[in-house]
N, C-alpha and C. Protein backbone atom coordinates (compact mmCIF):
# COMPACT_ATOMS: atom_id res chain seq x y z
N UNK A 1 -51.56 26.16 -115.79
CA UNK A 1 -53.28 26.36 -115.92
C UNK A 1 -53.41 26.58 -116.99
N UNK A 2 -54.57 25.93 -117.82
CA UNK A 2 -55.07 26.00 -119.04
C UNK A 2 -55.88 27.50 -119.13
N UNK A 3 -55.42 27.77 -120.09
CA UNK A 3 -56.12 28.91 -120.57
C UNK A 3 -57.92 28.74 -121.34
N UNK A 4 -58.80 29.75 -120.57
CA UNK A 4 -60.04 29.53 -121.06
C UNK A 4 -60.40 29.31 -122.65
N UNK A 5 -61.22 28.40 -123.23
CA UNK A 5 -61.14 27.99 -124.49
C UNK A 5 -61.65 29.45 -125.38
N UNK A 6 -62.19 30.27 -125.03
CA UNK A 6 -63.02 31.57 -125.36
C UNK A 6 -61.42 32.49 -125.43
N UNK A 7 -60.73 32.58 -124.53
CA UNK A 7 -59.17 33.48 -124.65
C UNK A 7 -58.41 33.00 -125.79
N UNK A 8 -58.31 31.63 -125.72
CA UNK A 8 -57.46 31.04 -126.74
C UNK A 8 -58.33 30.99 -128.46
N UNK A 9 -59.25 31.23 -128.45
CA UNK A 9 -59.80 31.48 -129.51
C UNK A 9 -60.14 32.98 -129.59
N UNK A 10 -59.88 33.81 -129.11
CA UNK A 10 -60.15 35.26 -129.12
C UNK A 10 -58.63 35.35 -129.86
N UNK A 11 -57.08 34.88 -129.56
CA UNK A 11 -56.05 35.05 -129.75
C UNK A 11 -55.65 34.41 -130.38
N UNK A 12 -56.13 33.35 -131.43
CA UNK A 12 -55.73 33.08 -132.88
C UNK A 12 -57.02 33.90 -133.33
N UNK A 13 -57.58 34.17 -133.36
CA UNK A 13 -58.33 35.15 -133.93
C UNK A 13 -57.80 36.64 -134.28
N UNK A 14 -57.33 36.64 -133.27
CA UNK A 14 -56.35 38.05 -133.26
C UNK A 14 -55.26 37.95 -134.10
N UNK A 15 -54.34 36.82 -133.97
CA UNK A 15 -53.00 36.82 -135.02
C UNK A 15 -53.87 36.59 -136.39
N UNK A 16 -54.74 35.79 -136.38
CA UNK A 16 -55.53 35.34 -137.93
C UNK A 16 -55.66 36.77 -138.60
N UNK A 17 -56.64 37.57 -137.72
CA UNK A 17 -57.25 39.09 -138.03
C UNK A 17 -56.06 39.77 -138.69
N UNK A 18 -54.47 39.66 -138.39
CA UNK A 18 -53.89 41.13 -138.84
C UNK A 18 -52.89 40.12 -139.98
N UNK A 19 -53.32 38.62 -139.76
CA UNK A 19 -52.49 38.07 -141.18
C UNK A 19 -53.83 38.07 -142.51
N UNK A 20 -55.17 38.58 -142.24
CA UNK A 20 -55.77 38.49 -143.27
C UNK A 20 -56.02 39.86 -143.81
N UNK A 21 -55.90 41.19 -142.68
CA UNK A 21 -55.60 41.99 -143.14
C UNK A 21 -54.03 42.63 -143.93
N UNK A 22 -53.56 41.87 -143.54
CA UNK A 22 -52.00 42.23 -144.52
C UNK A 22 -52.13 41.63 -145.58
N UNK A 23 -52.54 40.42 -145.89
CA UNK A 23 -52.05 39.51 -146.96
C UNK A 23 -53.48 39.20 -148.10
N UNK A 24 -54.60 39.52 -147.20
CA UNK A 24 -56.04 39.08 -148.29
C UNK A 24 -56.62 37.79 -147.54
N UNK A 25 -58.01 37.98 -147.68
CA UNK A 25 -58.51 36.21 -146.76
C UNK A 25 -57.87 34.78 -147.68
N UNK A 26 -57.59 35.04 -149.29
CA UNK A 26 -57.15 33.78 -149.73
C UNK A 26 -55.87 33.70 -149.89
N UNK A 27 -54.97 34.44 -149.56
CA UNK A 27 -53.70 34.70 -149.54
C UNK A 27 -52.85 33.83 -148.27
N UNK A 28 -53.85 34.30 -147.22
CA UNK A 28 -53.53 33.62 -146.10
C UNK A 28 -53.58 32.29 -146.34
N UNK A 29 -52.67 31.38 -145.83
CA UNK A 29 -52.91 30.00 -145.74
C UNK A 29 -53.29 29.70 -144.20
N UNK A 30 -53.64 28.43 -143.90
CA UNK A 30 -53.38 27.75 -142.55
C UNK A 30 -52.22 27.33 -141.99
N UNK A 31 -50.76 27.61 -142.68
CA UNK A 31 -49.49 27.41 -142.28
C UNK A 31 -49.09 28.60 -141.58
N UNK A 32 -49.43 30.15 -142.33
CA UNK A 32 -48.90 30.97 -141.90
C UNK A 32 -50.06 31.18 -141.04
N UNK A 33 -51.11 31.08 -140.15
CA UNK A 33 -51.57 31.47 -139.24
C UNK A 33 -51.21 30.04 -138.05
N UNK A 34 -50.74 29.15 -138.42
CA UNK A 34 -50.30 27.99 -137.53
C UNK A 34 -48.54 28.85 -136.70
N UNK A 35 -47.74 29.47 -137.67
CA UNK A 35 -46.94 30.03 -137.34
C UNK A 35 -47.07 31.22 -136.73
N UNK A 36 -48.21 31.86 -137.13
CA UNK A 36 -48.08 33.03 -136.30
C UNK A 36 -48.47 33.19 -134.80
N UNK A 37 -49.42 31.78 -134.55
CA UNK A 37 -50.18 32.07 -133.56
C UNK A 37 -49.51 30.84 -132.90
N UNK A 38 -48.41 30.46 -133.09
CA UNK A 38 -47.80 29.40 -132.22
C UNK A 38 -48.59 28.06 -132.57
N UNK A 39 -49.19 27.96 -132.94
CA UNK A 39 -50.26 26.34 -132.58
C UNK A 39 -50.34 25.81 -133.81
N UNK A 40 -50.59 23.96 -133.78
CA UNK A 40 -50.73 23.54 -134.65
C UNK A 40 -51.48 23.80 -135.26
N UNK A 41 -51.87 23.08 -136.76
CA UNK A 41 -53.39 23.13 -137.52
C UNK A 41 -54.26 22.29 -136.38
N UNK A 42 -54.19 20.96 -135.62
CA UNK A 42 -54.74 20.58 -135.00
C UNK A 42 -55.53 21.22 -134.06
N UNK A 43 -54.55 22.09 -133.28
CA UNK A 43 -55.09 22.78 -132.16
C UNK A 43 -56.18 24.21 -132.96
N UNK A 44 -55.58 24.92 -133.90
CA UNK A 44 -56.84 25.35 -134.64
C UNK A 44 -57.65 25.02 -135.11
N UNK A 45 -57.20 23.54 -135.71
CA UNK A 45 -59.09 23.19 -136.39
C UNK A 45 -59.66 22.40 -135.18
N UNK A 46 -59.25 22.29 -133.37
CA UNK A 46 -60.06 22.15 -132.61
C UNK A 46 -60.81 23.16 -132.44
N UNK A 47 -60.74 24.51 -132.48
CA UNK A 47 -61.37 25.22 -132.00
C UNK A 47 -62.28 26.30 -133.09
N UNK A 48 -61.86 25.76 -134.70
CA UNK A 48 -62.25 26.22 -135.75
C UNK A 48 -62.17 25.09 -136.51
N UNK A 49 -64.04 24.88 -137.06
CA UNK A 49 -63.90 23.54 -137.98
C UNK A 49 -62.96 23.75 -139.82
N UNK A 50 -63.05 25.16 -139.85
CA UNK A 50 -62.44 25.98 -141.16
C UNK A 50 -61.98 26.91 -141.09
N UNK A 51 -60.68 27.18 -142.13
CA UNK A 51 -60.77 28.51 -142.47
C UNK A 51 -61.51 29.85 -142.31
N UNK A 52 -63.01 29.60 -143.01
CA UNK A 52 -63.83 30.05 -143.39
C UNK A 52 -64.28 29.96 -141.46
N UNK A 53 -64.58 29.23 -141.19
CA UNK A 53 -64.93 29.65 -139.41
C UNK A 53 -64.29 30.39 -138.97
N UNK A 54 -62.99 30.39 -138.99
CA UNK A 54 -62.47 31.36 -138.32
C UNK A 54 -62.50 32.80 -138.65
N UNK A 55 -62.20 32.85 -140.37
CA UNK A 55 -62.77 34.23 -140.28
C UNK A 55 -63.71 34.58 -139.89
N UNK A 56 -65.13 33.79 -140.15
CA UNK A 56 -66.14 34.60 -139.30
C UNK A 56 -66.14 34.70 -137.67
N UNK A 57 -65.35 34.12 -137.35
CA UNK A 57 -64.74 34.33 -135.68
C UNK A 57 -64.26 35.83 -135.85
N UNK A 58 -63.45 36.20 -136.65
CA UNK A 58 -62.98 37.30 -136.69
C UNK A 58 -63.70 38.68 -137.09
N UNK A 59 -64.70 38.66 -138.03
CA UNK A 59 -65.70 39.39 -138.06
C UNK A 59 -66.57 39.58 -136.75
N UNK A 60 -66.90 38.55 -136.40
CA UNK A 60 -68.14 38.59 -135.39
C UNK A 60 -67.52 39.36 -133.72
N UNK A 61 -65.81 39.20 -134.14
CA UNK A 61 -65.14 39.91 -132.79
C UNK A 61 -65.16 41.48 -133.38
N UNK A 62 -64.89 41.31 -134.42
CA UNK A 62 -65.14 43.12 -134.98
C UNK A 62 -66.75 43.63 -134.74
N UNK A 63 -67.60 42.94 -135.31
CA UNK A 63 -68.88 43.16 -135.06
C UNK A 63 -68.88 43.77 -133.53
N UNK A 64 -68.58 42.74 -132.21
CA UNK A 64 -68.71 43.28 -131.01
C UNK A 64 -68.37 44.44 -130.44
N UNK A 65 -66.92 44.10 -130.93
CA UNK A 65 -66.29 45.72 -130.70
C UNK A 65 -67.06 46.82 -131.44
N UNK A 66 -67.47 46.64 -132.46
CA UNK A 66 -68.38 47.97 -132.64
C UNK A 66 -69.00 48.40 -132.53
N UNK A 67 -70.15 47.00 -131.40
CA UNK A 67 -70.98 47.48 -130.78
C UNK A 67 -70.74 48.48 -129.62
N UNK A 68 -69.56 48.03 -128.89
CA UNK A 68 -69.41 47.97 -127.76
C UNK A 68 -68.86 49.50 -127.64
N UNK A 69 -67.77 49.99 -129.20
CA UNK A 69 -67.58 51.40 -129.25
C UNK A 69 -68.82 52.19 -129.36
N UNK A 70 -69.93 51.55 -130.46
CA UNK A 70 -71.12 52.60 -130.07
C UNK A 70 -71.63 52.61 -129.01
N UNK A 71 -71.73 51.99 -127.62
CA UNK A 71 -72.14 52.29 -126.65
C UNK A 71 -71.54 53.27 -126.19
N UNK A 72 -70.53 53.06 -125.77
CA UNK A 72 -69.51 54.46 -125.35
C UNK A 72 -70.15 55.87 -126.32
N UNK A 73 -69.93 56.15 -127.60
CA UNK A 73 -70.63 57.42 -128.23
C UNK A 73 -72.03 57.36 -128.45
N UNK A 74 -72.72 56.08 -127.87
CA UNK A 74 -74.01 57.07 -127.72
C UNK A 74 -74.31 57.32 -126.36
N UNK A 75 -73.42 57.26 -125.53
CA UNK A 75 -73.74 57.49 -124.11
C UNK A 75 -73.20 58.81 -123.99
N UNK A 76 -72.62 59.34 -124.87
CA UNK A 76 -72.11 61.10 -124.53
C UNK A 76 -73.46 61.90 -125.67
N UNK A 77 -74.32 61.46 -126.02
CA UNK A 77 -75.50 61.74 -126.91
C UNK A 77 -76.77 62.18 -125.96
N UNK A 78 -77.04 63.70 -125.76
CA UNK A 78 -78.45 63.43 -125.37
C UNK A 78 -79.96 63.22 -125.85
N UNK A 79 -79.88 63.80 -126.99
CA UNK A 79 -81.25 63.55 -127.78
C UNK A 79 -80.69 62.30 -128.79
N UNK A 80 -82.02 61.71 -128.91
CA UNK A 80 -82.21 60.53 -130.12
C UNK A 80 -81.79 61.02 -131.28
N UNK A 81 -82.15 62.16 -131.71
CA UNK A 81 -81.74 63.08 -133.29
C UNK A 81 -79.76 63.13 -133.54
N UNK A 82 -79.18 63.14 -131.95
CA UNK A 82 -77.94 63.53 -131.78
C UNK A 82 -77.46 62.21 -132.44
N UNK A 83 -78.08 61.33 -131.70
CA UNK A 83 -77.88 59.80 -131.73
C UNK A 83 -77.68 59.40 -132.98
N UNK A 84 -79.10 59.66 -133.86
CA UNK A 84 -78.83 59.13 -135.30
C UNK A 84 -77.72 59.88 -135.92
N UNK A 85 -77.26 60.90 -136.02
CA UNK A 85 -76.04 61.59 -136.64
C UNK A 85 -74.71 61.19 -136.40
N UNK A 86 -74.74 60.60 -135.11
CA UNK A 86 -73.25 59.98 -134.28
C UNK A 86 -73.35 58.37 -134.62
N UNK A 87 -74.51 57.98 -134.57
CA UNK A 87 -74.67 56.62 -135.35
C UNK A 87 -74.44 56.37 -137.10
N UNK A 88 -74.90 57.14 -137.63
CA UNK A 88 -74.10 57.16 -139.34
C UNK A 88 -73.08 57.68 -139.29
N UNK A 89 -72.62 58.37 -138.35
CA UNK A 89 -71.20 58.74 -138.61
C UNK A 89 -70.44 57.56 -137.80
N UNK A 90 -70.56 56.59 -136.78
CA UNK A 90 -69.97 55.35 -136.52
C UNK A 90 -70.11 54.33 -138.01
N UNK A 91 -70.80 54.51 -138.42
CA UNK A 91 -71.22 53.22 -139.62
C UNK A 91 -70.25 53.87 -140.54
N UNK A 92 -70.07 55.05 -141.00
CA UNK A 92 -69.28 55.58 -141.88
C UNK A 92 -67.47 55.09 -141.73
N UNK A 93 -67.65 55.25 -139.86
CA UNK A 93 -65.85 54.97 -139.49
C UNK A 93 -65.78 53.76 -140.13
N UNK A 94 -66.47 52.90 -140.11
CA UNK A 94 -66.19 51.37 -140.19
C UNK A 94 -65.48 51.02 -141.49
N UNK A 95 -65.87 51.94 -142.40
CA UNK A 95 -64.79 51.90 -143.69
C UNK A 95 -63.93 52.02 -143.69
N UNK A 96 -63.39 52.70 -142.66
CA UNK A 96 -61.83 52.93 -142.64
C UNK A 96 -60.96 51.87 -141.81
N UNK A 97 -62.21 50.87 -141.08
CA UNK A 97 -61.31 49.56 -140.59
C UNK A 97 -60.48 48.80 -142.05
N UNK A 98 -59.56 48.25 -142.47
CA UNK A 98 -58.77 47.65 -142.94
C UNK A 98 -59.74 45.89 -143.41
N UNK A 99 -60.03 45.34 -142.46
CA UNK A 99 -60.91 44.22 -142.31
C UNK A 99 -62.10 44.16 -142.98
N UNK A 100 -62.51 45.40 -143.61
CA UNK A 100 -63.73 46.07 -144.51
C UNK A 100 -63.56 45.13 -145.71
N UNK A 101 -62.26 45.51 -146.16
CA UNK A 101 -61.29 44.95 -147.84
C UNK A 101 -61.84 43.40 -147.82
N UNK A 102 -61.20 42.72 -146.78
CA UNK A 102 -60.82 41.80 -146.59
C UNK A 102 -62.18 40.76 -146.73
N UNK A 103 -63.18 41.24 -145.88
CA UNK A 103 -64.47 40.89 -145.57
C UNK A 103 -65.27 41.00 -146.83
N UNK A 104 -64.99 41.86 -147.98
CA UNK A 104 -65.61 41.96 -149.15
C UNK A 104 -65.08 41.01 -149.79
N UNK A 105 -63.69 40.82 -150.15
CA UNK A 105 -62.98 39.27 -150.79
C UNK A 105 -63.75 38.45 -150.23
N UNK A 106 -63.86 37.51 -149.21
CA UNK A 106 -64.40 36.63 -148.63
C UNK A 106 -65.77 36.15 -149.26
N UNK A 107 -66.45 37.58 -149.18
CA UNK A 107 -68.06 37.39 -149.77
C UNK A 107 -68.13 37.27 -151.02
N UNK A 108 -67.16 37.84 -151.94
CA UNK A 108 -67.43 37.49 -153.41
C UNK A 108 -66.35 36.55 -153.97
N UNK A 109 -65.37 35.63 -152.83
CA UNK A 109 -64.48 35.24 -153.47
C UNK A 109 -65.54 33.50 -152.87
N UNK A 110 -66.12 33.21 -151.94
CA UNK A 110 -66.79 31.74 -151.12
C UNK A 110 -67.97 31.78 -151.97
N UNK A 111 -68.04 30.14 -151.79
CA UNK A 111 -69.33 29.49 -152.01
C UNK A 111 -69.71 29.52 -150.56
N UNK A 112 -70.86 30.14 -150.07
CA UNK A 112 -71.03 30.31 -148.40
C UNK A 112 -72.48 29.57 -148.54
N UNK A 113 -72.19 28.53 -147.31
CA UNK A 113 -73.66 27.35 -147.21
C UNK A 113 -74.25 27.99 -146.30
N UNK A 114 -75.27 27.45 -146.28
CA UNK A 114 -76.32 28.11 -145.52
C UNK A 114 -76.07 28.70 -143.67
N UNK A 115 -75.31 27.74 -143.56
CA UNK A 115 -74.90 27.99 -141.91
C UNK A 115 -74.01 29.24 -141.57
N UNK A 116 -73.22 29.49 -142.66
CA UNK A 116 -72.05 30.91 -142.89
C UNK A 116 -72.98 32.20 -143.28
N UNK A 117 -74.10 31.96 -144.09
CA UNK A 117 -74.86 32.64 -144.51
C UNK A 117 -75.62 33.26 -143.15
N UNK A 118 -76.18 32.40 -142.63
CA UNK A 118 -77.15 32.68 -141.51
C UNK A 118 -76.10 33.07 -140.20
N UNK A 119 -74.72 33.12 -139.80
CA UNK A 119 -73.60 33.39 -139.14
C UNK A 119 -73.46 35.36 -139.60
N UNK A 120 -73.50 35.22 -140.72
CA UNK A 120 -73.21 36.48 -141.11
C UNK A 120 -74.45 37.63 -141.41
N UNK A 121 -75.63 37.11 -141.54
CA UNK A 121 -76.61 37.46 -141.42
C UNK A 121 -76.92 37.73 -139.83
N UNK A 122 -76.93 37.09 -139.04
CA UNK A 122 -77.30 37.14 -137.68
C UNK A 122 -75.83 38.33 -137.01
N UNK A 123 -74.67 38.10 -137.39
CA UNK A 123 -73.95 39.38 -137.28
C UNK A 123 -74.49 40.74 -137.82
N UNK A 124 -74.80 40.92 -139.02
CA UNK A 124 -76.06 42.08 -139.82
C UNK A 124 -76.85 42.63 -139.12
N UNK A 125 -77.26 41.75 -138.37
CA UNK A 125 -79.02 41.94 -137.40
C UNK A 125 -78.72 42.07 -136.55
N UNK A 126 -77.45 42.32 -135.85
CA UNK A 126 -76.76 42.37 -134.38
C UNK A 126 -77.28 43.66 -134.23
N UNK A 127 -76.97 44.85 -135.23
CA UNK A 127 -77.56 46.38 -134.87
C UNK A 127 -78.61 47.22 -135.17
N UNK A 128 -79.48 45.95 -135.57
CA UNK A 128 -81.14 45.81 -135.48
C UNK A 128 -81.51 46.49 -134.51
N UNK A 129 -81.49 45.99 -133.29
CA UNK A 129 -81.42 46.98 -131.85
C UNK A 129 -81.19 47.90 -131.83
N UNK A 130 -80.27 48.09 -131.93
CA UNK A 130 -79.34 49.58 -131.66
C UNK A 130 -80.21 50.63 -132.05
N UNK A 131 -80.40 50.58 -133.78
CA UNK A 131 -81.09 51.29 -134.66
C UNK A 131 -82.23 51.68 -133.88
N UNK A 132 -83.26 50.48 -133.37
CA UNK A 132 -84.57 50.62 -133.25
C UNK A 132 -84.85 51.24 -131.72
N UNK A 133 -83.81 50.59 -131.25
CA UNK A 133 -83.96 51.16 -129.99
C UNK A 133 -83.58 53.48 -129.63
N UNK A 134 -82.72 53.85 -130.72
CA UNK A 134 -82.65 54.97 -130.90
C UNK A 134 -83.81 55.56 -131.37
N UNK A 135 -84.81 54.78 -132.27
CA UNK A 135 -85.45 55.17 -132.96
C UNK A 135 -87.12 55.45 -132.08
N UNK A 136 -87.31 54.19 -131.59
CA UNK A 136 -88.29 54.27 -130.23
C UNK A 136 -87.74 55.24 -129.24
N UNK A 137 -86.92 55.71 -128.64
CA UNK A 137 -86.63 56.97 -128.04
C UNK A 137 -87.05 57.86 -128.86
N UNK A 138 -86.46 58.26 -129.92
CA UNK A 138 -86.93 59.26 -130.43
C UNK A 138 -88.52 59.41 -130.76
N UNK A 139 -89.01 58.49 -130.59
CA UNK A 139 -90.93 58.78 -131.23
C UNK A 139 -91.03 58.75 -129.18
N UNK A 140 -90.80 58.25 -128.44
CA UNK A 140 -90.96 58.35 -127.14
C UNK A 140 -91.16 60.06 -126.45
N UNK A 141 -89.91 60.41 -126.83
CA UNK A 141 -89.59 61.66 -126.36
C UNK A 141 -90.38 62.90 -127.14
N UNK A 142 -90.75 62.57 -128.17
CA UNK A 142 -91.62 63.35 -129.48
C UNK A 142 -90.56 64.22 -130.13
N UNK A 143 -89.41 63.31 -130.49
CA UNK A 143 -88.54 64.20 -131.32
C UNK A 143 -88.81 64.15 -132.62
N UNK A 144 -89.23 62.21 -132.87
CA UNK A 144 -90.15 61.79 -134.17
C UNK A 144 -91.22 61.39 -134.47
N UNK A 145 -91.83 61.45 -135.04
CA UNK A 145 -93.31 61.12 -135.44
C UNK A 145 -93.71 59.90 -134.97
N UNK A 146 -94.97 59.99 -134.30
CA UNK A 146 -95.45 57.98 -134.03
C UNK A 146 -95.16 57.66 -134.97
N UNK A 147 -94.43 56.77 -135.30
CA UNK A 147 -94.39 55.37 -135.96
C UNK A 147 -94.29 54.29 -135.58
N UNK A 148 -94.06 53.17 -136.78
CA UNK A 148 -93.26 51.74 -136.37
C UNK A 148 -92.14 52.34 -136.30
N UNK A 149 -91.43 51.73 -135.29
CA UNK A 149 -89.78 52.17 -134.93
C UNK A 149 -89.46 50.95 -135.83
N UNK A 150 -89.60 49.44 -135.54
CA UNK A 150 -89.11 48.55 -136.64
C UNK A 150 -89.16 49.34 -137.88
N UNK A 151 -90.05 49.60 -138.39
CA UNK A 151 -89.96 49.68 -140.17
C UNK A 151 -89.15 51.01 -140.35
N UNK A 152 -88.86 51.94 -139.37
CA UNK A 152 -88.05 52.96 -139.52
C UNK A 152 -86.35 52.22 -139.67
N UNK A 153 -86.53 51.05 -138.86
CA UNK A 153 -85.20 51.01 -138.44
C UNK A 153 -84.57 49.92 -139.73
N UNK A 154 -85.81 49.29 -140.60
CA UNK A 154 -85.09 48.75 -141.38
C UNK A 154 -84.80 49.76 -142.70
N UNK A 155 -85.63 51.23 -142.43
CA UNK A 155 -85.31 51.98 -143.67
C UNK A 155 -84.16 52.71 -143.50
N UNK A 156 -83.95 53.01 -142.10
CA UNK A 156 -82.75 53.69 -141.77
C UNK A 156 -81.44 52.56 -142.04
N UNK A 157 -81.61 51.36 -141.56
CA UNK A 157 -80.39 50.28 -141.91
C UNK A 157 -80.02 50.58 -143.32
N UNK A 158 -81.15 50.21 -144.20
CA UNK A 158 -80.66 50.14 -145.24
C UNK A 158 -80.32 51.16 -146.36
N UNK A 159 -80.33 52.36 -145.44
CA UNK A 159 -80.07 53.69 -145.95
C UNK A 159 -78.55 53.65 -146.00
N UNK A 160 -78.09 53.26 -144.97
CA UNK A 160 -76.69 53.22 -144.32
C UNK A 160 -76.22 51.93 -145.11
N UNK A 161 -76.47 50.78 -145.03
CA UNK A 161 -75.99 49.69 -145.54
C UNK A 161 -76.08 50.14 -147.16
N UNK A 162 -76.67 50.70 -147.74
CA UNK A 162 -76.62 50.98 -149.03
C UNK A 162 -75.72 52.17 -149.83
N UNK A 163 -75.51 53.04 -148.88
CA UNK A 163 -74.42 53.64 -148.48
C UNK A 163 -73.09 53.13 -148.92
N UNK A 164 -72.94 51.85 -148.31
CA UNK A 164 -71.42 51.24 -148.01
C UNK A 164 -71.30 51.00 -149.42
N UNK A 165 -71.77 51.04 -151.21
CA UNK A 165 -71.14 50.70 -152.46
C UNK A 165 -70.44 52.08 -152.18
N UNK A 166 -70.43 53.21 -151.38
CA UNK A 166 -69.33 54.11 -151.83
C UNK A 166 -67.64 53.68 -151.41
N UNK A 167 -67.64 52.66 -150.22
CA UNK A 167 -66.30 51.99 -150.44
C UNK A 167 -65.48 51.77 -152.07
N UNK A 168 -66.21 51.68 -152.58
CA UNK A 168 -65.47 51.39 -153.78
C UNK A 168 -65.25 52.69 -155.07
N UNK A 169 -66.06 53.54 -154.87
CA UNK A 169 -66.37 54.62 -155.45
C UNK A 169 -65.86 56.07 -154.97
N UNK A 170 -65.20 56.40 -153.50
CA UNK A 170 -64.84 57.34 -153.14
C UNK A 170 -63.97 57.32 -151.72
N UNK A 171 -63.44 58.63 -151.12
CA UNK A 171 -62.56 58.32 -149.95
C UNK A 171 -63.66 58.26 -149.03
N UNK A 172 -63.03 58.34 -147.50
CA UNK A 172 -63.57 58.10 -146.26
C UNK A 172 -64.42 59.59 -146.10
N UNK A 173 -63.73 60.40 -146.18
CA UNK A 173 -64.62 62.17 -145.93
C UNK A 173 -65.51 62.09 -146.48
N UNK A 174 -65.69 61.81 -147.91
CA UNK A 174 -67.15 61.89 -148.65
C UNK A 174 -68.13 61.26 -148.32
N UNK A 175 -67.93 59.46 -148.32
CA UNK A 175 -68.50 58.93 -147.31
C UNK A 175 -69.50 59.27 -146.15
N UNK A 176 -68.29 59.63 -145.12
CA UNK A 176 -68.66 60.08 -143.98
C UNK A 176 -69.42 61.34 -143.98
N UNK A 177 -69.47 62.33 -144.71
CA UNK A 177 -70.37 63.61 -145.64
C UNK A 177 -71.79 63.26 -145.72
N UNK A 178 -71.84 61.99 -146.73
CA UNK A 178 -72.82 61.16 -146.81
C UNK A 178 -73.75 60.89 -146.06
N UNK A 179 -73.44 60.41 -145.37
CA UNK A 179 -73.85 59.22 -144.17
C UNK A 179 -74.57 60.69 -143.31
N UNK A 180 -73.79 61.60 -142.79
CA UNK A 180 -74.57 62.48 -142.34
C UNK A 180 -75.76 63.16 -142.81
N UNK A 181 -75.41 63.34 -144.53
CA UNK A 181 -76.52 64.19 -145.40
C UNK A 181 -77.93 62.87 -145.33
N UNK A 182 -77.18 61.82 -145.38
CA UNK A 182 -78.56 60.80 -145.26
C UNK A 182 -79.29 60.50 -143.95
N UNK A 183 -78.87 60.79 -142.70
CA UNK A 183 -79.83 61.78 -141.52
C UNK A 183 -80.21 62.60 -141.77
N UNK A 184 -79.82 63.54 -142.43
CA UNK A 184 -80.49 64.89 -142.90
C UNK A 184 -81.98 64.75 -143.29
N UNK A 185 -81.78 63.95 -144.61
CA UNK A 185 -83.07 63.44 -145.56
C UNK A 185 -84.08 62.56 -144.52
N UNK A 186 -83.08 61.51 -143.55
CA UNK A 186 -84.06 60.59 -143.19
C UNK A 186 -85.06 61.45 -141.76
N UNK A 187 -83.84 62.50 -141.58
CA UNK A 187 -84.77 63.51 -140.39
C UNK A 187 -86.01 64.03 -140.83
N UNK A 188 -85.80 64.82 -142.08
CA UNK A 188 -86.98 65.23 -143.24
C UNK A 188 -88.30 64.79 -143.23
N UNK A 189 -88.35 63.17 -142.81
CA UNK A 189 -89.70 62.14 -143.16
C UNK A 189 -89.98 62.02 -141.68
N UNK A 190 -89.23 62.17 -140.91
CA UNK A 190 -89.49 61.27 -139.20
C UNK A 190 -89.60 62.25 -138.28
N UNK A 191 -88.81 63.48 -138.42
CA UNK A 191 -88.82 64.46 -137.39
C UNK A 191 -90.24 64.98 -137.24
N UNK A 192 -90.59 64.84 -135.81
CA UNK A 192 -91.91 65.69 -135.27
C UNK A 192 -92.03 67.41 -135.78
N UNK A 193 -92.97 67.60 -136.22
CA UNK A 193 -93.37 68.84 -136.69
C UNK A 193 -93.90 69.80 -135.44
């Protein structure tokens, strides 16, 4: 019986992801991916049009896992304010993922075509609805001032994303501390009084 295509793609991406983490994006060859997966180049290219497409699939799976983990954490919070703090911590936790460094290498070393850019932006935007949902909930419950949740979402996302530059400057403990502090600052501007 043949495996479903999505399962095969996930297996290839999982093995390739391990190699990308161990060796980096540029240093991982398709030959090594073939050996690690036990598949021919033709088989891999059947599922992914290029090494870049394979790497983007690895990132997509990581983003899906991030969203699933967030759903579990969100369920443990009872207020929107608690969720904002948990979201900041969840965002900061991602900096411990070794794939982050490989993604940065990929972004800075590649000439990215429009399709790839659209895929990357789509993955980035996948968290927008999570932020907006928390903010809308806080506004509806009276925890946050009445405001445009979409505007606040962009500000929150920009703030947390901007703190991402700390990845190159400091350790994870400091990154987490500053992400939590950013929510303190954010709430000073939007908390209902």
